[in-house]
N, C-alpha and C. Protein backbone atom coordinates (compact mmCIF):
# COMPACT_ATOMS: atom_id res chain seq x y z
N MET A 1 14.03 12.90 22.55
CA MET A 1 15.04 12.20 21.39
C MET A 1 14.32 11.86 20.15
N VAL A 2 14.95 12.69 19.12
CA VAL A 2 14.77 12.43 18.05
C VAL A 2 15.46 11.44 17.25
N THR A 3 15.55 9.71 17.14
CA THR A 3 16.34 9.02 16.98
C THR A 3 15.68 8.60 14.78
N ILE A 4 16.90 8.84 14.19
CA ILE A 4 16.70 8.85 12.71
C ILE A 4 17.91 7.94 12.13
N THR A 5 17.52 6.80 11.30
CA THR A 5 17.92 5.89 11.26
C THR A 5 17.89 6.01 9.18
N ILE A 6 18.79 5.84 8.76
CA ILE A 6 18.82 6.43 7.06
C ILE A 6 19.80 5.13 6.70
N SER A 7 19.55 4.26 5.82
CA SER A 7 19.84 3.31 5.23
C SER A 7 19.57 3.05 3.76
N PRO A 8 21.47 3.67 2.91
CA PRO A 8 20.85 4.37 1.33
C PRO A 8 20.32 2.99 0.77
N ALA A 9 19.87 2.66 -0.50
CA ALA A 9 19.53 2.11 -1.46
C ALA A 9 20.78 1.24 -2.18
N ALA A 10 20.84 0.30 -2.10
CA ALA A 10 21.56 -0.82 -2.94
C ALA A 10 21.33 -0.67 -4.09
N TRP A 11 21.75 -1.38 -4.70
CA TRP A 11 21.61 -1.10 -6.32
C TRP A 11 20.33 -1.97 -6.95
N HIS A 12 20.27 -2.98 -6.13
CA HIS A 12 18.46 -3.78 -6.07
C HIS A 12 18.11 -3.75 -4.98
N ALA A 13 18.09 -2.85 -3.99
CA ALA A 13 17.01 -2.96 -2.65
C ALA A 13 16.91 -1.34 -2.56
N THR A 14 15.79 -1.68 -1.42
CA THR A 14 14.84 -0.47 -1.04
C THR A 14 16.27 0.44 -0.53
N GLY A 15 16.23 1.68 -0.43
CA GLY A 15 16.66 3.00 0.45
C GLY A 15 15.35 3.22 1.64
N SER A 16 16.05 3.52 3.09
CA SER A 16 14.70 4.36 3.82
C SER A 16 15.71 5.67 4.61
N LEU A 17 14.62 6.10 5.30
CA LEU A 17 14.72 6.68 6.05
C LEU A 17 13.43 6.50 7.76
N LYS A 18 13.59 6.47 8.99
CA LYS A 18 12.66 6.23 9.66
C LYS A 18 13.18 7.49 11.09
N ALA A 19 12.49 8.17 11.67
CA ALA A 19 12.56 9.13 12.05
C ALA A 19 11.55 9.09 13.38
N GLU A 20 11.93 8.44 14.88
CA GLU A 20 11.12 8.58 15.85
C GLU A 20 10.91 9.57 16.60
N GLY A 21 10.31 10.07 17.60
CA GLY A 21 10.46 10.24 18.87
C GLY A 21 9.99 12.23 18.44
N HIS A 22 10.52 12.61 19.64
CA HIS A 22 10.42 14.89 19.67
C HIS A 22 12.29 15.45 20.25
N ALA A 23 12.21 16.44 19.73
CA ALA A 23 13.39 17.13 20.38
C ALA A 23 13.40 17.44 21.77
N TYR A 24 11.76 18.16 22.41
CA TYR A 24 12.03 18.58 23.38
C TYR A 24 13.24 18.90 23.39
N HIS A 25 13.46 20.30 22.58
CA HIS A 25 14.07 21.35 22.93
C HIS A 25 13.62 22.35 23.21
N GLY A 26 12.24 22.74 22.52
CA GLY A 26 11.33 24.00 23.46
C GLY A 26 10.06 23.78 23.68
N LYS A 27 9.20 24.92 23.92
CA LYS A 27 8.07 24.66 23.94
C LYS A 27 6.84 24.10 22.54
N GLU A 28 6.15 23.30 22.87
CA GLU A 28 5.66 22.52 22.12
C GLU A 28 4.55 23.51 20.77
N GLY A 29 5.26 23.62 19.96
CA GLY A 29 4.88 24.78 18.58
C GLY A 29 5.77 25.70 18.44
N GLU A 30 7.08 25.38 19.51
CA GLU A 30 8.33 27.31 19.29
C GLU A 30 9.91 26.20 19.63
N ASP A 31 9.32 24.92 19.55
CA ASP A 31 10.60 23.50 18.94
C ASP A 31 11.38 24.28 17.92
N LEU A 32 12.89 24.51 18.01
CA LEU A 32 14.05 25.25 16.43
C LEU A 32 14.03 24.03 16.46
N VAL A 33 14.37 23.30 17.13
CA VAL A 33 15.20 21.96 16.67
C VAL A 33 14.07 20.49 15.93
N CYS A 34 12.82 20.98 16.65
CA CYS A 34 12.04 19.70 15.52
C CYS A 34 11.35 20.73 13.93
N ALA A 35 11.75 21.68 14.29
CA ALA A 35 10.71 22.20 13.24
C ALA A 35 12.55 22.45 11.81
N ALA A 36 13.43 22.82 12.08
CA ALA A 36 14.67 22.49 11.61
C ALA A 36 14.51 21.12 11.07
N LEU A 37 13.82 20.23 11.65
CA LEU A 37 14.01 18.19 10.73
C LEU A 37 13.27 18.62 10.61
N THR A 38 11.91 19.40 10.32
CA THR A 38 11.01 18.54 9.93
C THR A 38 11.51 19.35 8.50
N ALA A 39 11.91 20.76 8.15
CA ALA A 39 12.34 21.43 7.17
C ALA A 39 13.22 20.24 6.46
N LEU A 40 14.43 20.23 7.12
CA LEU A 40 14.97 18.72 6.07
C LEU A 40 14.58 17.59 5.95
N MET A 41 13.91 17.46 6.57
CA MET A 41 13.15 16.12 5.85
C MET A 41 12.43 16.47 5.04
N ASP A 42 11.24 17.50 4.97
CA ASP A 42 11.03 17.80 3.71
C ASP A 42 10.90 17.63 2.63
N GLY A 43 12.47 18.66 2.39
CA GLY A 43 13.58 18.98 1.60
C GLY A 43 14.29 17.47 1.04
N LEU A 44 14.34 16.56 1.99
CA LEU A 44 14.68 15.22 1.18
C LEU A 44 13.58 14.88 0.57
N ALA A 45 12.73 14.58 0.83
CA ALA A 45 11.43 14.25 0.19
C ALA A 45 11.60 15.04 -0.91
N ALA A 46 11.28 16.10 -1.12
CA ALA A 46 10.70 17.04 -2.46
C ALA A 46 12.49 16.49 -3.68
N ASN A 47 13.48 16.39 -2.66
CA ASN A 47 14.43 16.49 -3.71
C ASN A 47 14.41 14.63 -3.91
N LEU A 48 13.76 14.13 -3.15
CA LEU A 48 13.84 12.17 -3.70
C LEU A 48 12.89 12.01 -4.89
N ARG A 49 11.60 12.77 -4.32
CA ARG A 49 10.55 12.60 -5.66
C ARG A 49 10.84 13.17 -7.10
N GLU A 50 11.99 14.12 -7.01
CA GLU A 50 12.18 14.69 -8.54
C GLU A 50 13.11 14.06 -9.20
N ILE A 51 13.84 12.75 -8.75
CA ILE A 51 14.80 11.94 -9.43
C ILE A 51 14.11 11.67 -9.93
N PRO A 52 14.54 11.33 -11.14
CA PRO A 52 14.05 10.20 -12.44
C PRO A 52 14.26 8.79 -11.85
N GLY A 53 13.29 7.96 -12.42
CA GLY A 53 13.28 5.92 -12.54
C GLY A 53 13.23 5.85 -11.10
N LEU A 54 13.04 6.90 -9.99
CA LEU A 54 13.00 6.50 -8.47
C LEU A 54 11.44 6.14 -8.08
N SER A 55 11.52 5.32 -7.22
CA SER A 55 10.08 5.13 -7.09
C SER A 55 10.01 5.46 -5.67
N PHE A 56 9.23 6.39 -4.84
CA PHE A 56 9.09 6.97 -3.28
C PHE A 56 7.62 6.80 -2.75
N ARG A 57 7.75 6.67 -1.83
CA ARG A 57 6.86 6.69 -0.63
C ARG A 57 7.22 7.54 0.63
N ARG A 58 6.51 8.23 1.16
CA ARG A 58 6.59 8.69 2.65
C ARG A 58 5.24 8.86 3.64
N GLU A 59 5.29 7.91 4.44
CA GLU A 59 4.49 8.36 5.50
C GLU A 59 5.03 9.42 6.53
N ALA A 60 4.17 9.43 7.72
CA ALA A 60 4.47 10.75 8.41
C ALA A 60 3.16 10.95 8.96
N LYS A 61 3.29 10.83 10.48
CA LYS A 61 2.34 11.49 11.37
C LYS A 61 3.15 11.54 12.99
N PRO A 62 2.48 12.68 13.60
CA PRO A 62 3.12 13.09 14.83
C PRO A 62 4.58 11.57 15.44
N GLY A 63 5.44 12.27 15.23
CA GLY A 63 6.24 12.28 16.24
C GLY A 63 7.32 10.73 15.13
N PHE A 64 6.41 10.33 14.33
CA PHE A 64 7.28 8.94 13.54
C PHE A 64 6.97 9.67 11.84
N VAL A 65 8.60 9.28 11.11
CA VAL A 65 8.41 9.37 9.52
C VAL A 65 8.86 8.12 9.25
N TYR A 66 8.44 7.48 7.96
CA TYR A 66 9.10 6.98 7.60
C TYR A 66 9.22 6.90 5.67
N MET A 67 10.47 7.16 5.40
CA MET A 67 10.36 7.22 3.66
C MET A 67 10.99 6.08 3.44
N ARG A 68 10.33 5.74 2.19
CA ARG A 68 11.41 4.10 1.40
C ARG A 68 11.68 5.11 -0.14
N TRP A 69 12.47 4.59 -0.66
CA TRP A 69 13.00 4.54 -2.21
C TRP A 69 13.77 3.76 -2.59
N SER A 70 13.20 3.55 -4.03
CA SER A 70 13.80 2.61 -5.00
C SER A 70 14.14 2.41 -6.37
N ARG A 71 14.54 1.76 -6.91
CA ARG A 71 15.03 2.04 -8.33
C ARG A 71 14.00 1.31 -8.45
N ASP A 72 13.55 2.06 -10.02
CA ASP A 72 12.03 1.38 -10.57
C ASP A 72 13.13 1.54 -12.59
N HIS A 73 14.00 2.35 -12.49
CA HIS A 73 14.57 1.86 -14.29
C HIS A 73 15.67 3.24 -13.78
N GLY A 74 16.77 2.60 -14.58
CA GLY A 74 17.88 3.71 -14.85
C GLY A 74 18.93 3.49 -13.23
N ASP A 75 19.65 4.79 -13.61
CA ASP A 75 20.77 4.11 -12.95
C ASP A 75 20.05 5.44 -11.34
N CYS A 76 19.64 5.63 -11.16
CA CYS A 76 18.50 6.88 -9.81
C CYS A 76 19.50 6.58 -8.45
N VAL A 77 19.52 5.47 -8.32
CA VAL A 77 20.29 5.04 -6.61
C VAL A 77 21.30 5.85 -6.54
N LYS A 78 22.29 5.79 -7.30
CA LYS A 78 23.32 7.32 -6.99
C LYS A 78 23.33 8.61 -6.77
N ASP A 79 22.16 8.94 -7.51
CA ASP A 79 21.74 10.04 -6.93
C ASP A 79 20.50 10.05 -5.65
N ALA A 80 20.23 9.52 -5.69
CA ALA A 80 18.80 9.28 -4.21
C ALA A 80 20.07 8.58 -3.13
N ASN A 81 20.99 8.17 -3.34
CA ASN A 81 22.07 8.05 -2.38
C ASN A 81 22.35 8.76 -1.98
N ARG A 82 23.53 9.77 -3.18
CA ARG A 82 23.77 10.88 -2.61
C ARG A 82 23.00 12.17 -2.33
N VAL A 83 21.42 12.70 -2.20
CA VAL A 83 20.76 12.95 -1.96
C VAL A 83 20.66 12.59 0.00
N ALA A 84 20.83 11.31 0.02
CA ALA A 84 19.92 11.09 1.64
C ALA A 84 21.47 11.47 2.24
N TRP A 85 23.24 11.06 0.93
CA TRP A 85 24.20 11.90 2.47
C TRP A 85 24.34 12.83 2.55
N HIS A 86 23.49 13.61 1.62
CA HIS A 86 24.12 15.70 2.20
C HIS A 86 22.94 15.62 3.73
N PHE A 87 22.10 14.92 3.27
CA PHE A 87 20.68 14.82 4.24
C PHE A 87 21.90 14.91 5.34
N TYR A 88 22.02 13.29 5.92
CA TYR A 88 22.73 12.85 6.50
C TYR A 88 23.44 13.97 7.70
N ARG A 89 24.79 14.15 6.81
CA ARG A 89 25.67 15.31 7.13
C ARG A 89 24.94 16.68 7.62
N ALA A 90 23.73 16.77 7.06
CA ALA A 90 23.38 17.88 8.05
C ALA A 90 22.52 18.03 9.29
N LEU A 91 21.87 16.76 9.22
CA LEU A 91 21.21 16.03 10.43
C LEU A 91 22.77 15.86 11.56
N ASP A 92 23.40 15.05 11.16
CA ASP A 92 25.03 14.82 12.17
C ASP A 92 25.38 15.77 12.64
N THR A 93 25.41 17.65 11.69
CA THR A 93 25.45 18.45 12.63
C THR A 93 25.05 18.85 13.56
N MET A 94 23.51 18.45 13.04
CA MET A 94 22.90 18.92 14.08
C MET A 94 23.04 18.04 15.64
N GLY A 95 23.25 16.81 15.46
CA GLY A 95 23.24 15.98 16.50
C GLY A 95 24.41 16.51 17.50
N ARG A 96 25.71 16.56 16.62
CA ARG A 96 27.06 17.77 17.26
C ARG A 96 26.21 18.44 18.45
N ALA A 97 25.40 19.69 17.86
CA ALA A 97 24.86 20.62 18.44
C ALA A 97 23.87 20.67 19.50
N TYR A 98 22.70 19.34 19.15
CA TYR A 98 22.12 19.11 19.90
C TYR A 98 22.28 17.80 20.30
N PRO A 99 22.72 17.26 21.31
CA PRO A 99 23.37 15.61 21.46
C PRO A 99 22.31 15.09 22.29
N ASP A 100 21.57 15.71 22.82
CA ASP A 100 20.14 15.55 23.89
C ASP A 100 19.11 15.28 23.17
N ALA A 101 18.78 16.14 21.91
CA ALA A 101 17.97 16.24 21.03
C ALA A 101 17.93 15.33 19.82
N VAL A 102 19.05 14.79 19.49
CA VAL A 102 19.14 14.61 17.74
C VAL A 102 19.94 13.47 17.82
N ARG A 103 19.52 12.50 17.79
CA ARG A 103 20.26 10.77 17.18
C ARG A 103 20.59 10.15 15.73
N VAL A 104 21.46 10.28 15.10
CA VAL A 104 21.18 10.03 14.02
C VAL A 104 22.23 8.72 12.98
N LYS A 105 21.95 7.69 12.32
CA LYS A 105 22.68 6.74 12.35
C LYS A 105 22.65 6.37 10.74
N TRP A 106 24.35 5.99 9.94
CA TRP A 106 24.11 6.03 8.52
C TRP A 106 24.17 4.28 8.59
N VAL A 107 23.49 3.92 8.06
CA VAL A 107 23.35 1.95 8.07
C VAL A 107 23.36 1.54 7.14
N ASN A 108 24.48 1.38 6.41
CA ASN A 108 24.99 0.84 4.55
C ASN A 108 24.31 -0.75 4.67
N GLN A 109 23.85 -1.08 3.18
CA GLN A 109 23.79 -2.26 2.90
C GLN A 109 24.16 -3.14 2.12
N GLU A 110 24.56 -4.27 2.35
CA GLU A 110 25.64 -5.20 1.39
C GLU A 110 24.13 -5.58 0.17
N TYR A 111 25.12 -5.38 -1.06
CA TYR A 111 24.40 -5.92 -2.22
C TYR A 111 26.06 -6.19 -3.28
N TYR A 112 25.34 -7.29 -3.73
CA TYR A 112 26.10 -7.75 -4.91
C TYR A 112 25.62 -7.56 -6.31
N LYS A 113 24.86 -6.31 -6.48
CA LYS A 113 24.34 -6.39 -8.50
C LYS A 113 24.04 -6.69 -9.25
N GLY A 114 23.22 -8.10 -8.61
CA GLY A 114 22.51 -8.90 -9.02
C GLY A 114 23.22 -10.22 -9.03
N ARG A 115 24.11 -10.59 -8.68
CA ARG A 115 25.17 -11.30 -8.61
C ARG A 115 24.81 -12.38 -8.01
N ARG A 116 25.11 -13.55 -7.55
CA ARG A 116 24.67 -14.80 -6.32
C ARG A 116 25.92 -13.87 -5.29
N LYS A 117 25.15 -14.38 -3.93
CA LYS A 117 26.29 -13.98 -2.92
C LYS A 117 27.59 -14.91 -2.70
N ARG A 118 28.70 -14.65 -2.58
CA ARG A 118 30.40 -15.33 -2.85
C ARG A 118 30.01 -16.37 -1.60
N ASN A 119 29.41 -16.17 -0.93
CA ASN A 119 29.51 -17.11 0.33
C ASN A 119 28.43 -18.20 0.65
N GLU A 120 27.31 -17.75 -0.61
CA GLU A 120 26.73 -18.89 -0.65
C GLU A 120 27.12 -19.94 -1.27
N ALA A 121 27.58 -20.36 -2.12
CA ALA A 121 27.96 -22.01 -3.00
C ALA A 121 29.11 -22.43 -2.11
N GLU A 122 30.07 -21.48 -0.95
CA GLU A 122 30.71 -22.05 -0.43
C GLU A 122 29.81 -22.34 1.37
N ARG A 123 28.59 -21.73 1.53
CA ARG A 123 28.25 -22.05 3.08
C ARG A 123 27.54 -23.85 2.49
N ARG A 124 27.39 -23.67 0.99
CA ARG A 124 26.53 -24.98 1.05
C ARG A 124 27.54 -25.69 0.78
N ASP A 125 28.63 -25.69 0.56
CA ASP A 125 29.84 -27.28 0.27
C ASP A 125 30.05 -27.11 1.90
N HIS A 126 30.33 -26.63 2.53
CA HIS A 126 30.44 -26.28 4.02
C HIS A 126 30.97 -27.88 4.39
N GLY A 127 32.00 -28.18 4.94
CA GLY A 127 32.46 -29.44 5.70
C GLY A 127 32.82 -29.79 4.70
N SER A 128 32.75 -30.13 3.16
CA SER A 128 33.74 -30.72 2.01
C SER A 128 34.57 -30.35 2.17
N ASP A 129 35.52 -31.42 1.09
CA ASP A 129 37.02 -30.98 1.16
C ASP A 129 37.40 -30.53 0.22
N LYS A 130 36.22 -30.09 -0.97
CA LYS A 130 36.70 -30.17 -2.48
C LYS A 130 36.13 -28.76 -2.00
N PRO A 131 36.78 -27.40 -3.17
CA PRO A 131 36.84 -26.52 -2.99
C PRO A 131 35.35 -26.51 -3.83
N ALA A 132 34.75 -24.60 -2.93
CA ALA A 132 33.43 -24.31 -3.03
C ALA A 132 33.01 -23.86 -4.40
N ALA A 133 32.24 -24.56 -5.00
CA ALA A 133 31.19 -24.44 -5.94
C ALA A 133 31.24 -23.39 -7.06
N LYS A 134 31.52 -23.07 -8.32
CA LYS A 134 31.49 -21.82 -8.67
C LYS A 134 30.28 -21.62 -9.60
């Protein structure tokens, strides 16, 4: 089974895709599910590389693909996440058609657009009867 986890990029963080395993849906060299996954991942990589202001890295070897993207400048994260979301939807459809061969997860990150985490000050003041620091 191929397990794919996609984590979209937060405003200041890094997005990633990690795929591990083999579909084993056909003979080696004739596995259409693996071929389709490879084509989709190549398409995702090509689309992410074309987004201006986005830093992209890809590592691939048999049974393993890792992609990582982050913002260098501009507002490119929205475009990258939109591309990743459409890729996820295509994979999810494949996963429903071939549940024994493909499993895909979308994992959101929490982010704060450069602001301090709201609970950070509350954690620091925990146990105090005073209100949390601002």
